[in-house]
Protein backbone atom coordinates (compact mmCIF):
# COMPACT_ATOMS: atom_id res chain seq x y z
CA MET A 1 0.00 0.00 0.00
CA ALA A 2 1.04 3.59 -0.64
CA ASP A 3 -0.19 6.80 0.95
CA LEU A 4 0.09 10.26 -0.58
CA SER A 5 1.03 13.05 1.82
CA LEU A 6 1.06 16.71 0.75
CA ASP A 7 1.36 19.96 2.70
CA PHE A 8 0.13 23.39 1.69
CA GLN A 9 0.17 26.81 3.35
CA PHE A 10 -2.33 29.61 2.78
CA LYS A 11 -2.34 33.17 4.06
CA SER A 12 -6.01 32.83 5.01
CA PRO A 13 -7.80 32.23 8.31
CA ILE A 14 -8.48 28.60 9.18
CA GLY A 15 -12.25 29.17 8.96
CA LYS A 16 -11.98 30.36 5.37
CA VAL A 17 -9.89 27.34 4.39
CA TRP A 18 -12.33 25.03 6.22
CA ASN A 19 -15.24 26.57 4.29
CA ALA A 20 -13.40 25.97 1.01
CA LEU A 21 -13.11 22.28 1.97
CA THR A 22 -16.69 21.84 3.12
CA HIS A 23 -19.00 24.06 1.04
CA SER A 24 -20.16 22.35 -2.14
CA GLU A 25 -20.17 25.52 -4.26
CA THR A 26 -16.65 26.47 -3.19
CA LEU A 27 -15.36 22.91 -3.63
CA ALA A 28 -16.67 23.00 -7.20
CA GLN A 29 -14.40 25.98 -7.90
CA TRP A 30 -11.22 24.07 -7.11
CA VAL A 31 -11.96 20.32 -7.05
CA MET A 32 -14.99 19.16 -9.11
CA GLU A 33 -18.73 19.56 -9.33
CA ASN A 34 -20.19 17.79 -6.30
CA ASN A 35 -23.07 17.44 -3.89
CA PHE A 36 -20.85 17.35 -0.78
CA LYS A 37 -22.19 18.07 2.72
CA PRO A 38 -19.97 17.98 5.84
CA ILE A 39 -22.15 15.44 7.67
CA VAL A 40 -20.66 12.16 8.93
CA GLY A 41 -22.21 9.29 6.96
CA TYR A 42 -23.36 11.53 4.09
CA LYS A 43 -22.79 9.92 0.68
CA CYS A 44 -21.98 12.19 -2.24
CA GLN A 45 -20.28 12.36 -5.62
CA PHE A 46 -17.52 14.44 -7.15
CA ARG A 47 -18.01 14.65 -10.94
CA ASN A 48 -15.74 15.68 -13.81
CA ALA A 49 -17.85 15.40 -16.98
CA ALA A 50 -14.92 16.42 -19.21
CA ILE A 51 -13.07 13.17 -18.46
CA GLY A 52 -16.10 11.06 -17.52
CA LEU A 53 -15.00 10.66 -13.90
CA ILE A 54 -17.39 10.08 -11.01
CA VAL A 55 -15.91 9.71 -7.54
CA GLU A 56 -18.15 8.19 -4.88
CA SER A 57 -17.56 9.49 -1.37
CA GLU A 58 -18.83 8.99 2.14
CA VAL A 59 -17.98 11.49 4.86
CA LEU A 60 -16.07 9.80 7.71
CA ILE A 61 -14.88 12.62 10.01
CA VAL A 62 -16.02 16.22 10.48
CA ASP A 63 -14.11 18.00 13.26
CA GLU A 64 -14.51 21.70 12.40
CA PRO A 65 -12.11 23.38 11.72
CA ASN A 66 -9.40 20.78 12.25
CA THR A 67 -10.07 17.53 10.38
CA LEU A 68 -12.20 16.39 7.45
CA SER A 69 -12.08 12.86 6.03
CA TYR A 70 -14.04 11.02 3.35
CA THR A 71 -13.75 8.02 1.08
CA TRP A 72 -12.60 8.62 -2.51
CA VAL A 73 -13.73 5.77 -4.75
CA GLY A 74 -13.51 6.18 -8.52
CA GLY A 75 -11.90 4.55 -11.51
CA PRO A 76 -9.29 2.08 -10.27
CA ILE A 77 -8.98 3.43 -6.71
CA GLU A 78 -10.70 2.93 -3.38
CA THR A 79 -9.02 5.34 -0.99
CA ILE A 80 -9.54 7.77 1.89
CA VAL A 81 -8.84 11.51 1.79
CA THR A 82 -8.09 13.26 5.09
CA TRP A 83 -7.49 17.00 5.44
CA THR A 84 -5.90 18.36 8.63
CA LEU A 85 -5.83 22.10 9.28
CA ARG A 86 -3.71 24.11 11.72
CA GLN A 87 -3.36 27.87 12.02
CA GLU A 88 -0.13 29.64 13.00
CA GLY A 89 -0.45 33.40 13.00
CA GLU A 90 -1.78 34.50 9.60
CA ILE A 91 -0.94 31.16 7.95
CA THR A 92 -3.19 28.11 7.76
CA HIS A 93 -1.30 24.86 7.27
CA LEU A 94 -3.29 22.29 5.31
CA HIS A 95 -2.13 18.68 5.30
CA LEU A 96 -3.57 16.15 2.86
CA GLU A 97 -3.29 12.43 3.46
CA HIS A 98 -4.71 10.37 0.56
CA ALA A 99 -4.42 6.80 1.80
CA GLY A 100 -4.95 3.36 0.37
CA PHE A 101 -3.27 3.26 -3.03
CA GLU A 102 -2.10 -0.21 -4.08
CA ALA A 103 1.36 1.14 -4.92
CA GLU A 104 3.12 4.25 -6.18
CA ASN A 105 1.51 3.58 -9.55
CA GLN A 106 -0.26 5.67 -12.20
CA ALA A 107 -3.26 6.32 -9.94
CA PHE A 108 -0.97 7.46 -7.11
CA HIS A 109 1.04 9.82 -9.33
CA GLY A 110 -2.12 11.07 -11.03
CA ALA A 111 -3.60 11.92 -7.63
CA LYS A 112 -0.38 13.66 -6.57
CA TYR A 113 -0.42 15.80 -9.72
CA GLY A 114 -4.17 16.41 -9.45
CA TRP A 115 -4.18 17.50 -5.80
CA SER A 116 -1.18 19.76 -6.37
CA ALA A 117 -2.96 21.45 -9.30
CA MET A 118 -6.18 21.72 -7.29
CA ALA A 119 -4.26 23.33 -4.40
CA ASP A 120 -3.14 26.05 -6.83
CA LYS A 121 -6.81 26.62 -7.69
CA LEU A 122 -7.66 26.65 -3.98
CA HIS A 123 -5.05 29.37 -3.44
CA ASN A 124 -6.79 31.45 -6.12
CA VAL A 125 -10.21 30.83 -4.55
CA LEU A 126 -8.93 31.90 -1.13
CA GLU A 127 -7.24 34.99 -2.53
CA GLY A 128 -10.39 35.96 -4.42
CA ASP A 129 -8.94 35.34 -7.91
CA PRO A 130 -11.32 33.08 -9.86
CA ALA A 131 -8.62 32.04 -12.37
């Protein structure tokens, strides 16, 4: 098994970063279209029509504003995404653990690239730039 671990920093309050992780409309701006709700046990989908991808998810942990975890099942993977937030001064540290890959294979590297690109979009969302 292989787990993906990425760290990001944003010059935004922890509450604003939490909202970007948990509000469906904001998530759609930087991840994918979705019907996400931050309710433990809630089942939802993330959808990317352009590539025909549907990710099935179930919310596992909601500990506002510190931890959010949900399953991420789509294509060849059945994994768990966990976000951990921590604020230091004006900086919010966001840690992503995407666990359960079979190996450091194409799906693993695709997720690493995808989350890194989405974090760039998240930065723009947090800074108010819709690019």
